[in-house]
Amino acid sequence: MIPFLGRLHAWEYLALLASFVLIGLEGIIRIITLALPNPIIHLFYRSSRRLFNYLSSPNSRKTRNTKKKIVTSIAQASDFVELCELFGYEAEEHIVQTKDGYLLGLHRLAGKKGEDHISRVNSAAGSVQKKVVYLHHGLMMNSEVWVCLTDQERCLPFLLVDQGYDCWLGNNRGNKYSKKSVNCSPTDAKFWSFSIDQFAFHDIPDSIDYILTTTHQPSLSYIGFSQGTAQAFATLSIHPTLNDKVNVFIALAPAMSPPGLSKGIVNSFVKSSPEVLFLAFGRRALLSSATMWQAILYPPIFVRFIDLSLGFLFGWKTKNISAHQKLAAYPHLYSFTSTKSVVHWFQIIRNGKFQMYDDEVQGPWSVTDGARFRKIPKFPTKNIKTPIALFYGGSDSLVDIKIMLKELPKHTISMEIPHYEHLDFLWANDVEREVFPHVFHTLDRYAGPKKVVGKPNFLDFQAKTFADVAGASPPGDDASNCVPHKHSENINPKENMMSIIDPASPSFGERGITIGKAGVVGGVIRDDAVGAGVGSGGEGRRIKKRRKP
């Protein structure tokens, strides 16, 4: 029986066949490359470098040489600790064993540059007490993506440490820092039999428990990126007691139920049976050949290759990330994960639900109505009690904020950065101005000694530049750029208008803001539709951040 028969259109069969041909060619090239001696590989590398430089414009070569030293140092750094040392920070390495036997690497930044009591931070009674924040990476990544920036002021972990936080960074099982288990070897297929379920049931809660035990703190703040947010949504929904250990959850480029991928080849994989994906990519690590291409291609060519791939798969332009930042960060972008975890995402996309892994996919020729006799459980995300703040990009094809908000509790707050794509929340040129002030404001409100009960309130917050947060506002900087939104489900369909009032807000005054009929376009509020008025507030507010003229 063909496992994907009946799922695809005729042209999608051709796309699927073409993808298998490409995968086969890539495998042949890899085998040939592995068989070549190092001098031949170095010859290919030098040849690609000469060809690229010959075809590049003078301005392009000048741009690459501007920050060549720091870019090269970051790109060639071997691990997280070395990346931090480049900027003068001392990192600790920790190992946590999950309840099912996986050994996960954790990284810690406990003190500022030159701080002489790092070993006594949150160590016991009488030690230096700091608030704890935990950062978690996205799909096919590791903790290095947070610290491979060319400018220190754009690096969130360094800024958190300088603001007095005890900063921890996690890693998923199977990646560069977590490729070990007490029960089996990474060479065994059993090692790679994990999906988002295992991240949610073991990796995240066990890492949080280890951090809180080590720091002697009652709770921490969670900052996730992409799949790191999905793992938090999942684990907080199934572990009620974990909500008391996370004082606030900040989601950057949140992922829950992506709307899907537009390209035929990719969509054919999404719709096909898991067995097809396992046949194409195996049952162990996914795309392990990526490291080979990184080794043999001249870095600017490798960057172009990644940009083309991101554009093909997701439609991203990556214009908000500078060329030298890509050269520094893209070598740290990929890390190992299981094919099963990607299959899990395809199941979520295909079914349009943030569900657990389906181990019993119905065959296309099944004579029973599987939906009547079996139900794949969804992650009960509406049960989350932890305050949630979402920051998403207006140009991010992986985020459907309306669908996401319907599946989250009413106390969730979201803010749109209109021109941002997915990776911009890690490496954009202006991330310290567009995103970080809101992150620090949320942390200040909810990570204090006394936990605030309720939802994050962005309506009484005027956007600040990072310099304002650090205590040194640059002259002439207009920092008030927030327009408040409510969830689309709270808009009155009869009046087609909504009113928001917050007397405590210095931005809006006692009269509040009224959004008229002309201002609501598909749930997004237009800037030219804001006028004075009196109204009443509601739950589930959403904020859109205007771009400066």
Protein backbone atom coordinates (compact mmCIF):
# COMPACT_ATOMS: atom_id res chain seq x y z
CA MET A 1 0.00 0.00 0.00
CA ILE A 2 1.32 3.45 -0.86
CA PRO A 3 1.13 5.42 2.41
CA PHE A 4 0.35 8.77 0.79
CA LEU A 5 -2.11 7.54 -1.86
CA GLY A 6 -5.36 9.48 -1.80
CA ARG A 7 -3.92 12.44 0.12
CA LEU A 8 -2.36 14.35 -2.79
CA HIS A 9 -3.35 15.96 -6.07
CA ALA A 10 -1.72 14.79 -9.28
CA TRP A 11 0.75 17.68 -9.47
CA GLU A 12 1.71 17.06 -5.85
CA TYR A 13 2.79 13.53 -6.75
CA LEU A 14 5.19 15.09 -9.26
CA ALA A 15 6.45 17.52 -6.62
CA LEU A 16 6.97 14.66 -4.19
CA LEU A 17 8.84 12.67 -6.83
CA ALA A 18 11.04 15.68 -7.61
CA SER A 19 11.84 16.10 -3.93
CA PHE A 20 12.94 12.48 -3.67
CA VAL A 21 15.20 12.99 -6.69
CA LEU A 22 16.77 16.05 -5.04
CA ILE A 23 17.23 14.19 -1.76
CA GLY A 24 18.88 11.35 -3.66
CA LEU A 25 21.24 13.70 -5.50
CA GLU A 26 22.15 15.40 -2.24
CA GLY A 27 22.92 12.01 -0.71
CA ILE A 28 25.16 11.06 -3.64
CA ILE A 29 27.02 14.39 -3.40
CA ARG A 30 27.50 13.85 0.31
CA ILE A 31 28.95 10.37 -0.18
CA ILE A 32 31.34 11.66 -2.83
CA THR A 33 32.37 14.58 -0.60
CA LEU A 34 33.06 12.32 2.36
CA ALA A 35 35.26 10.17 0.14
CA LEU A 36 37.34 13.12 -1.09
CA PRO A 37 40.66 13.91 0.64
CA ASN A 38 40.92 17.21 2.54
CA PRO A 39 43.18 18.92 -0.05
CA ILE A 40 40.47 18.47 -2.69
CA ILE A 41 37.78 19.86 -0.36
CA HIS A 42 39.99 22.88 0.42
CA LEU A 43 40.48 23.38 -3.33
CA PHE A 44 36.70 23.52 -3.85
CA TYR A 45 36.41 26.00 -0.97
CA ARG A 46 39.10 28.31 -2.35
CA SER A 47 37.63 28.10 -5.84
CA SER A 48 34.17 29.05 -4.62
CA ARG A 49 35.67 31.96 -2.67
CA ARG A 50 37.54 33.30 -5.72
CA LEU A 51 34.48 32.93 -7.93
CA PHE A 52 32.22 34.70 -5.44
CA ASN A 53 34.64 37.59 -4.93
CA TYR A 54 35.04 37.96 -8.69
CA LEU A 55 31.28 38.19 -9.20
CA SER A 56 30.67 40.47 -6.20
CA SER A 57 30.44 44.24 -6.52
CA PRO A 58 33.02 46.49 -4.81
CA ASN A 59 30.36 47.74 -2.38
CA SER A 60 29.49 44.18 -1.42
CA ARG A 61 33.12 43.34 -0.73
CA LYS A 62 33.52 46.54 1.30
CA THR A 63 30.47 45.68 3.42
CA ARG A 64 31.85 42.22 4.20
CA ASN A 65 35.20 43.67 5.25
CA THR A 66 33.67 46.27 7.59
CA LYS A 67 33.30 43.89 10.53
CA LYS A 68 35.41 41.05 9.21
CA LYS A 69 37.32 40.45 12.45
CA ILE A 70 34.32 40.11 14.78
CA VAL A 71 32.27 38.27 12.14
CA THR A 72 35.01 35.71 11.59
CA SER A 73 35.51 35.25 15.34
CA ILE A 74 31.80 34.64 15.93
CA ALA A 75 31.36 32.38 12.90
CA GLN A 76 34.34 30.23 13.88
CA ALA A 77 33.58 30.07 17.61
CA SER A 78 33.30 26.42 18.59
CA ASP A 79 30.67 26.63 21.32
CA PHE A 80 28.51 28.80 23.59
CA VAL A 81 31.24 29.47 26.12
CA GLU A 82 33.65 30.73 23.46
CA LEU A 83 30.98 33.01 21.98
CA CYS A 84 30.44 34.60 25.38
CA GLU A 85 34.17 35.00 25.99
CA LEU A 86 34.43 37.06 22.79
CA PHE A 87 32.41 39.75 24.58
CA GLY A 88 34.01 39.31 28.00
CA TYR A 89 31.28 37.24 29.68
CA GLU A 90 31.90 34.10 31.73
CA ALA A 91 29.47 31.24 31.05
CA GLU A 92 28.79 28.13 33.10
CA GLU A 93 27.87 24.70 31.71
CA HIS A 94 25.37 22.46 33.47
CA ILE A 95 23.89 19.02 32.76
CA VAL A 96 20.35 17.99 33.72
CA GLN A 97 19.07 14.44 33.43
CA THR A 98 15.45 14.14 32.35
CA LYS A 99 13.14 11.60 33.90
CA ASP A 100 13.40 9.47 30.77
CA GLY A 101 17.19 9.47 30.79
CA TYR A 102 18.31 12.18 28.35
CA LEU A 103 21.20 14.43 29.37
CA LEU A 104 20.51 18.06 28.44
CA GLY A 105 23.07 20.84 28.33
CA LEU A 106 22.23 24.09 30.11
CA HIS A 107 24.20 27.33 29.92
CA ARG A 108 24.26 30.03 32.56
CA LEU A 109 25.31 33.68 32.60
CA ALA A 110 25.20 34.68 36.25
CA GLY A 111 27.22 37.90 36.38
CA LYS A 112 28.28 40.99 34.52
CA LYS A 113 31.72 41.48 33.02
CA GLY A 114 34.35 41.43 35.73
CA GLU A 115 31.86 40.64 38.49
CA ASP A 116 33.92 38.84 41.13
CA HIS A 117 31.15 37.01 42.98
CA ILE A 118 29.57 35.05 40.13
CA SER A 119 30.00 31.75 41.97
CA ARG A 120 27.96 33.15 44.87
CA VAL A 121 24.92 34.21 42.83
CA ASN A 122 21.75 32.46 44.07
CA SER A 123 23.90 29.78 45.67
CA ALA A 124 22.56 29.73 49.23
CA ALA A 125 21.31 31.91 52.06
CA GLY A 126 23.36 35.09 52.25
CA SER A 127 24.51 34.89 48.63
CA VAL A 128 23.83 37.51 45.98
CA GLN A 129 20.15 37.16 45.06
CA LYS A 130 19.11 37.74 41.46
CA LYS A 131 15.90 37.16 39.51
CA VAL A 132 16.14 34.16 37.19
CA VAL A 133 15.24 34.19 33.51
CA TYR A 134 15.27 31.15 31.20
CA LEU A 135 15.65 31.36 27.40
CA HIS A 136 14.82 28.56 25.00
CA HIS A 137 15.66 28.28 21.29
CA GLY A 138 13.62 27.24 18.25
CA LEU A 139 13.41 24.23 15.93
CA MET A 140 16.73 22.76 14.74
CA MET A 141 18.68 25.24 16.88
CA ASN A 142 20.66 25.38 20.12
CA SER A 143 21.49 28.00 22.74
CA GLU A 144 24.17 29.59 20.55
CA VAL A 145 21.56 31.45 18.47
CA TRP A 146 21.01 33.84 21.40
CA VAL A 147 24.64 35.00 21.64
CA CYS A 148 26.03 34.97 18.07
CA LEU A 149 25.34 38.66 17.41
CA THR A 150 27.91 41.14 16.12
CA ASP A 151 26.87 43.87 18.57
CA GLN A 152 26.70 43.36 22.31
CA GLU A 153 23.76 45.74 22.69
CA ARG A 154 21.63 43.52 20.43
CA CYS A 155 22.32 40.37 22.46
CA LEU A 156 19.42 39.70 24.83
CA PRO A 157 21.26 37.38 27.28
CA PHE A 158 24.08 39.91 27.75
CA LEU A 159 21.58 42.71 28.37
CA LEU A 160 19.68 40.57 30.86
CA VAL A 161 22.87 39.86 32.77
CA ASP A 162 23.82 43.53 32.76
CA GLN A 163 20.36 44.37 34.12
CA GLY A 164 20.97 42.06 37.08
CA TYR A 165 19.31 38.81 36.01
CA ASP A 166 20.62 35.29 36.51
CA CYS A 167 20.30 34.13 32.89
CA TRP A 168 19.93 30.46 31.88
CA LEU A 169 19.68 29.03 28.36
CA GLY A 170 18.28 25.60 27.57
CA ASN A 171 18.80 22.97 24.88
CA ASN A 172 16.51 20.31 23.42
CA ARG A 173 17.42 16.66 23.44
CA GLY A 174 19.34 15.62 20.34
CA ASN A 175 21.01 18.94 19.59
CA LYS A 176 24.69 19.79 19.86
CA TYR A 177 24.66 20.07 23.67
CA SER A 178 22.16 17.30 24.45
CA LYS A 179 23.23 14.38 22.30
CA LYS A 180 23.47 11.78 25.05
CA SER A 181 21.20 9.44 26.99
CA VAL A 182 21.78 6.97 29.81
CA ASN A 183 19.53 4.46 28.04
CA CYS A 184 20.73 4.43 24.43
CA SER A 185 23.30 5.79 22.00
CA PRO A 186 22.71 8.53 19.37
CA THR A 187 23.54 5.86 16.80
CA ASP A 188 20.37 3.99 17.79
CA ALA A 189 17.07 4.90 16.14
CA LYS A 190 15.46 4.70 19.58
CA PHE A 191 17.43 7.77 20.71
CA TRP A 192 15.76 9.89 18.00
CA SER A 193 12.21 8.70 18.70
CA PHE A 194 11.04 11.97 20.23
CA SER A 195 8.72 14.81 19.28
CA ILE A 196 7.27 17.96 20.86
CA ASP A 197 5.54 15.65 23.36
CA GLN A 198 8.86 14.71 24.96
CA PHE A 199 10.02 18.35 24.97
CA ALA A 200 6.84 19.25 26.85
CA PHE A 201 6.63 16.30 29.25
CA HIS A 202 10.34 16.15 30.12
CA ASP A 203 12.84 18.62 28.67
CA ILE A 204 11.27 21.94 29.69
CA PRO A 205 9.86 21.00 33.13
CA ASP A 206 12.98 19.04 34.13
CA SER A 207 15.24 21.92 33.05
CA ILE A 208 13.14 24.44 35.01
CA ASP A 209 13.16 22.24 38.12
CA TYR A 210 16.94 21.91 37.90
CA ILE A 211 17.41 25.68 37.56
CA LEU A 212 15.11 26.53 40.46
CA THR A 213 16.77 23.90 42.66
CA THR A 214 20.23 25.20 41.79
CA THR A 215 19.33 28.87 42.30
CA HIS A 216 17.09 28.36 45.37
CA GLN A 217 14.47 30.57 43.75
CA PRO A 218 10.69 29.97 43.82
CA SER A 219 10.06 30.93 40.18
CA LEU A 220 11.65 32.15 36.97
CA SER A 221 10.70 34.07 33.83
CA TYR A 222 10.52 32.16 30.54
CA ILE A 223 11.51 33.70 27.20
CA GLY A 224 11.02 31.44 24.19
CA PHE A 225 11.68 31.83 20.49
CA SER A 226 9.66 30.01 17.81
CA GLN A 227 9.41 26.32 18.80
CA GLY A 228 10.71 27.35 22.21
CA THR A 229 7.36 29.10 22.66
CA ALA A 230 5.41 26.06 21.43
CA GLN A 231 7.20 23.91 23.99
CA ALA A 232 6.23 26.36 26.73
CA PHE A 233 2.60 26.48 25.58
CA ALA A 234 2.53 22.69 25.67
CA THR A 235 4.30 22.13 28.98
CA LEU A 236 2.43 24.84 30.89
CA SER A 237 -0.86 23.41 29.64
CA ILE A 238 -0.18 19.87 30.89
CA HIS A 239 1.72 20.67 34.11
CA PRO A 240 -0.57 22.79 36.33
CA THR A 241 2.01 23.12 39.11
CA LEU A 242 4.60 24.42 36.63
CA ASN A 243 2.51 27.58 36.24
CA ASP A 244 3.47 28.54 39.81
CA LYS A 245 7.15 28.21 38.89
CA VAL A 246 6.97 30.51 35.83
CA ASN A 247 6.07 34.08 36.78
CA VAL A 248 5.72 35.27 33.18
CA PHE A 249 6.01 33.71 29.73
CA ILE A 250 7.37 35.97 26.96
CA ALA A 251 6.92 34.49 23.48
CA LEU A 252 9.07 35.88 20.64
CA ALA A 253 7.86 34.85 17.15
CA PRO A 254 5.37 32.46 18.80
CA ALA A 255 4.55 29.14 17.14
CA MET A 256 1.51 27.02 17.84
CA SER A 257 -0.42 26.09 14.70
CA PRO A 258 1.33 27.54 11.63
CA PRO A 259 -0.99 28.30 8.70
CA GLY A 260 1.05 26.09 6.36
CA LEU A 261 3.63 26.33 3.62
CA SER A 262 2.82 27.46 0.12
CA LYS A 263 5.37 25.59 -1.97
CA GLY A 264 4.18 22.43 -3.69
CA ILE A 265 7.12 20.23 -2.72
CA VAL A 266 6.82 21.15 0.95
CA ASN A 267 3.04 20.90 1.00
CA SER A 268 3.26 17.45 -0.53
CA PHE A 269 5.36 16.35 2.42
CA VAL A 270 2.97 18.02 4.87
CA LYS A 271 0.01 16.11 3.46
CA SER A 272 1.75 12.78 3.07
CA SER A 273 1.99 9.99 5.59
CA PRO A 274 4.75 10.08 8.24
CA GLU A 275 6.15 6.94 6.65
CA VAL A 276 6.99 8.95 3.51
CA LEU A 277 8.97 11.46 5.56
CA PHE A 278 10.77 8.72 7.44
CA LEU A 279 11.56 7.06 4.11
CA ALA A 280 12.98 10.32 2.74
CA PHE A 281 14.92 11.52 5.79
CA GLY A 282 15.35 8.43 7.95
CA ARG A 283 14.31 7.90 11.55
CA ARG A 284 17.27 9.57 13.17
CA ALA A 285 18.64 13.13 12.89
CA LEU A 286 17.14 15.39 10.26
CA LEU A 287 19.26 17.02 7.53
CA SER A 288 22.55 16.00 9.09
CA SER A 289 24.24 16.88 5.79
CA ALA A 290 23.78 20.62 6.53
CA THR A 291 27.09 20.61 8.38
CA MET A 292 28.79 19.24 5.24
CA TRP A 293 27.57 22.11 3.07
CA GLN A 294 28.68 24.59 5.69
CA ALA A 295 32.17 23.09 5.65
CA ILE A 296 32.73 23.09 1.89
CA LEU A 297 31.01 26.32 0.83
CA TYR A 298 32.53 29.78 1.07
CA PRO A 299 30.57 31.59 3.88
CA PRO A 300 28.87 34.23 1.66
CA ILE A 301 27.72 31.44 -0.67
CA PHE A 302 26.44 29.46 2.31
CA VAL A 303 24.54 32.59 3.46
CA ARG A 304 22.98 32.97 0.01
CA PHE A 305 22.00 29.32 0.08
CA ILE A 306 20.28 29.76 3.47
CA ASP A 307 18.52 32.95 2.34
CA LEU A 308 17.22 31.21 -0.79
CA SER A 309 15.98 28.28 1.29
CA LEU A 310 14.17 30.56 3.75
CA GLY A 311 12.61 32.47 0.89
CA PHE A 312 11.51 29.28 -0.86
CA LEU A 313 10.03 27.64 2.24
CA PHE A 314 8.54 30.60 4.10
CA GLY A 315 8.67 33.62 1.79
CA TRP A 316 11.04 35.52 4.09
CA LYS A 317 13.23 38.28 2.64
CA THR A 318 15.57 38.62 5.67
CA LYS A 319 16.09 42.30 4.82
CA ASN A 320 16.09 43.34 8.47
CA ILE A 321 19.25 41.30 9.16
CA SER A 322 22.53 42.78 7.94
CA ALA A 323 24.92 40.87 5.69
CA HIS A 324 27.66 40.71 8.31
CA GLN A 325 25.16 39.48 10.93
CA LYS A 326 24.17 36.64 8.61
CA LEU A 327 27.81 35.72 8.06
CA ALA A 328 28.30 35.55 11.83
CA ALA A 329 25.05 33.84 12.82
CA TYR A 330 24.14 31.42 10.02
CA PRO A 331 27.00 29.03 10.91
CA HIS A 332 25.28 28.66 14.32
CA LEU A 333 21.75 28.40 12.93
CA TYR A 334 21.48 24.65 12.46
CA SER A 335 21.62 21.96 15.12
CA PHE A 336 20.42 18.36 15.16
CA THR A 337 16.86 17.31 15.89
CA SER A 338 14.77 14.25 15.14
CA THR A 339 12.81 13.67 11.96
CA LYS A 340 9.90 12.74 14.22
CA SER A 341 9.74 16.25 15.71
CA VAL A 342 9.36 17.74 12.21
CA VAL A 343 6.76 15.10 11.34
CA HIS A 344 4.90 16.27 14.47
CA TRP A 345 4.82 19.83 13.10
CA PHE A 346 3.51 18.55 9.76
CA GLN A 347 0.70 16.77 11.60
CA ILE A 348 -0.16 20.00 13.43
CA ILE A 349 -0.20 21.97 10.16
CA ARG A 350 -2.23 19.34 8.33
CA ASN A 351 -4.87 19.07 11.06
CA GLY A 352 -4.86 22.75 12.03
CA LYS A 353 -4.64 21.85 15.74
CA PHE A 354 -1.91 22.14 18.35
CA GLN A 355 -2.08 18.45 19.13
CA MET A 356 0.09 15.73 20.54
CA TYR A 357 1.93 13.35 18.20
CA ASP A 358 -0.30 10.95 16.30
CA ASP A 359 1.30 7.52 16.60
CA GLU A 360 -1.61 5.83 14.82
CA VAL A 361 -2.13 7.66 11.54
CA GLN A 362 -5.06 6.15 9.66
CA GLY A 363 -4.24 4.60 6.30
CA PRO A 364 -5.85 6.06 3.17
CA TRP A 365 -7.69 2.79 2.51
CA SER A 366 -9.03 2.42 6.06
CA VAL A 367 -12.66 1.21 6.03
CA THR A 368 -13.43 2.58 9.51
CA ASP A 369 -14.29 6.12 10.44
CA GLY A 370 -11.25 6.77 12.63
CA ALA A 371 -12.55 10.11 13.86
CA ARG A 372 -15.45 8.37 15.62
CA PHE A 373 -13.31 5.93 17.57
CA ARG A 374 -10.11 7.84 18.28
CA LYS A 375 -9.18 11.40 19.13
CA ILE A 376 -5.68 12.82 19.22
CA PRO A 377 -5.53 14.99 22.36
CA LYS A 378 -4.84 18.68 21.90
CA PHE A 379 -2.59 20.51 24.30
CA PRO A 380 -5.10 22.27 26.63
CA THR A 381 -3.47 25.68 26.27
CA LYS A 382 -6.46 27.58 27.66
CA ASN A 383 -5.60 26.06 31.05
CA ILE A 384 -2.38 28.10 31.29
CA LYS A 385 -2.42 30.39 34.34
CA THR A 386 0.99 32.03 33.82
CA PRO A 387 0.81 35.60 32.38
CA ILE A 388 1.58 35.45 28.64
CA ALA A 389 3.00 38.20 26.41
CA LEU A 390 3.28 37.51 22.66
CA PHE A 391 5.53 39.52 20.33
CA TYR A 392 5.09 38.58 16.68
CA GLY A 393 6.12 39.91 13.29
CA GLY A 394 3.65 41.39 10.87
CA SER A 395 5.58 39.75 8.00
CA ASP A 396 6.01 36.37 9.68
CA SER A 397 4.33 33.69 7.58
CA LEU A 398 4.47 31.18 10.44
CA VAL A 399 2.22 33.17 12.78
CA ASP A 400 -1.57 33.36 12.53
CA ILE A 401 -2.25 35.48 15.57
CA LYS A 402 -6.06 35.21 15.39
CA ILE A 403 -6.00 31.42 15.52
CA MET A 404 -3.38 31.49 18.26
CA LEU A 405 -5.30 33.89 20.49
CA LYS A 406 -8.43 31.74 20.24
CA GLU A 407 -6.50 28.85 21.77
CA LEU A 408 -4.91 30.84 24.60
CA PRO A 409 -6.39 32.12 27.87
CA LYS A 410 -8.03 35.55 27.99
CA HIS A 411 -5.20 37.10 29.97
CA THR A 412 -2.85 36.76 26.95
CA ILE A 413 -1.51 40.02 25.52
CA SER A 414 0.09 40.34 22.08
CA MET A 415 2.02 43.01 20.21
CA GLU A 416 2.78 43.15 16.50
CA ILE A 417 6.04 44.46 15.09
CA PRO A 418 4.69 45.14 11.57
CA HIS A 419 7.82 44.77 9.44
CA TYR A 420 9.39 41.86 11.33
CA GLU A 421 9.87 38.30 10.07
CA HIS A 422 10.62 35.21 12.13
CA LEU A 423 14.40 35.38 12.58
CA ASP A 424 14.33 39.15 13.12
CA PHE A 425 13.46 38.58 16.78
CA LEU A 426 16.93 37.06 17.17
CA TRP A 427 19.16 39.05 14.82
CA ALA A 428 17.44 42.14 13.36
CA ASN A 429 19.46 45.36 13.06
CA ASP A 430 17.07 47.22 15.38
CA VAL A 431 15.90 44.44 17.69
CA GLU A 432 17.22 46.33 20.73
CA ARG A 433 14.84 49.20 19.91
CA GLU A 434 11.83 47.36 18.49
CA VAL A 435 11.58 44.36 20.83
CA PHE A 436 13.81 44.48 23.90
CA PRO A 437 12.16 47.49 25.65
CA HIS A 438 8.87 45.54 25.72
CA VAL A 439 10.64 42.43 26.99
CA PHE A 440 12.28 44.35 29.83
CA HIS A 441 9.04 46.14 30.70
CA THR A 442 7.21 42.81 30.98
CA LEU A 443 9.99 41.32 33.10
CA ASP A 444 10.06 44.34 35.39
CA ARG A 445 6.32 44.04 35.94
CA TYR A 446 6.09 40.30 36.58
CA ALA A 447 9.52 39.08 37.70
CA GLY A 448 9.73 41.26 40.81
CA PRO A 449 9.75 40.03 44.41
CA LYS A 450 5.95 40.07 44.47
CA LYS A 451 4.21 38.31 41.61
CA VAL A 452 1.56 40.44 39.94
CA VAL A 453 -1.77 38.69 39.56
CA GLY A 454 -3.47 39.24 36.22
CA LYS A 455 -2.47 40.00 32.70
CA PRO A 456 0.37 42.12 31.33
CA ASN A 457 -0.96 45.63 30.77
CA PHE A 458 0.67 47.24 27.75
CA LEU A 459 -1.93 50.01 27.69
CA ASP A 460 -0.16 51.92 30.46
CA PHE A 461 3.22 51.42 28.83
CA GLN A 462 4.86 53.95 26.57
CA ALA A 463 7.42 52.25 24.35
CA LYS A 464 10.99 53.01 25.38
CA THR A 465 14.25 52.61 23.56
CA PHE A 466 16.81 50.27 25.04
CA ALA A 467 18.80 53.29 26.17
CA ASP A 468 15.78 54.33 28.26
CA VAL A 469 15.66 50.89 29.85
CA ALA A 470 19.38 51.04 30.58
CA GLY A 471 18.96 54.50 32.07
CA ALA A 472 20.44 56.69 29.33
CA SER A 473 17.86 57.90 26.83
CA PRO A 474 19.35 59.35 23.65
CA PRO A 475 18.36 62.94 22.93
CA GLY A 476 15.56 63.63 20.50
CA ASP A 477 14.30 60.05 20.37
CA ASP A 478 10.53 59.81 20.11
CA ALA A 479 9.75 56.54 21.82
CA SER A 480 5.98 56.51 22.04
CA ASN A 481 4.80 54.25 19.21
CA CYS A 482 2.20 51.89 20.63
CA VAL A 483 -1.36 51.54 19.38
CA PRO A 484 -3.53 49.24 21.55
CA HIS A 485 -5.55 46.36 20.13
CA LYS A 486 -8.07 43.93 21.50
CA HIS A 487 -8.41 40.31 20.41
CA SER A 488 -10.54 40.09 17.30
CA GLU A 489 -13.01 37.85 19.11
CA ASN A 490 -13.83 40.71 21.48
CA ILE A 491 -14.82 43.19 18.75
CA ASN A 492 -18.55 43.88 18.82
CA PRO A 493 -19.79 42.62 15.42
CA LYS A 494 -22.97 44.72 15.61
CA GLU A 495 -21.33 48.07 16.17
CA ASN A 496 -18.07 47.10 14.42
CA MET A 497 -16.19 49.38 16.75
CA MET A 498 -14.40 49.11 20.05
CA SER A 499 -13.38 51.48 22.77
CA ILE A 500 -10.45 51.21 25.10
CA ILE A 501 -9.98 53.31 28.20
CA ASP A 502 -7.19 53.32 30.69
CA PRO A 503 -7.26 56.37 32.98
CA ALA A 504 -3.88 55.45 34.40
CA SER A 505 -2.17 55.70 31.05
CA PRO A 506 -0.16 58.88 30.46
CA SER A 507 -0.32 58.15 26.73
CA PHE A 508 -4.04 58.07 26.34
CA GLY A 509 -5.48 60.17 29.21
CA GLU A 510 -8.88 59.81 30.85
CA ARG A 511 -10.89 59.86 27.65
CA GLY A 512 -9.21 56.80 26.17
CA ILE A 513 -9.23 55.80 22.49
CA THR A 514 -12.09 54.82 20.20
CA ILE A 515 -11.42 52.76 17.10
CA GLY A 516 -14.10 53.46 14.50
CA LYS A 517 -15.56 51.27 11.79
CA ALA A 518 -13.08 52.49 9.19
CA GLY A 519 -10.21 51.50 11.39
CA VAL A 520 -10.87 47.77 11.65
CA VAL A 521 -9.54 45.91 8.62
CA GLY A 522 -9.41 42.15 9.07
CA GLY A 523 -8.80 42.52 12.81
CA VAL A 524 -5.92 44.98 12.30
CA ILE A 525 -6.36 48.56 13.38
CA ARG A 526 -5.32 51.25 10.95
CA ASP A 527 -3.34 54.17 12.28
CA ASP A 528 -5.55 56.80 10.63
CA ALA A 529 -8.64 55.58 12.46
CA VAL A 530 -7.66 56.60 15.98
CA GLY A 531 -9.60 59.44 17.58
CA ALA A 532 -10.64 60.69 20.99
CA GLY A 533 -13.64 59.10 22.69
CA VAL A 534 -14.95 57.39 25.78
CA GLY A 535 -15.38 53.64 26.02
CA SER A 536 -14.95 50.60 28.20
CA GLY A 537 -12.07 48.14 28.36
CA GLY A 538 -12.08 44.44 27.79
CA GLU A 539 -9.95 41.36 28.07
CA GLY A 540 -7.50 39.96 25.59
CA ARG A 541 -6.04 43.21 24.32
CA ARG A 542 -3.71 43.38 21.37
CA ILE A 543 -1.18 46.06 20.52
CA LYS A 544 0.17 47.01 17.14
CA LYS A 545 3.43 48.90 17.05
CA ARG A 546 3.63 51.64 14.44
CA ARG A 547 6.77 52.17 12.45
CA LYS A 548 8.42 55.53 12.85
CA PRO A 549 8.00 57.86 9.82
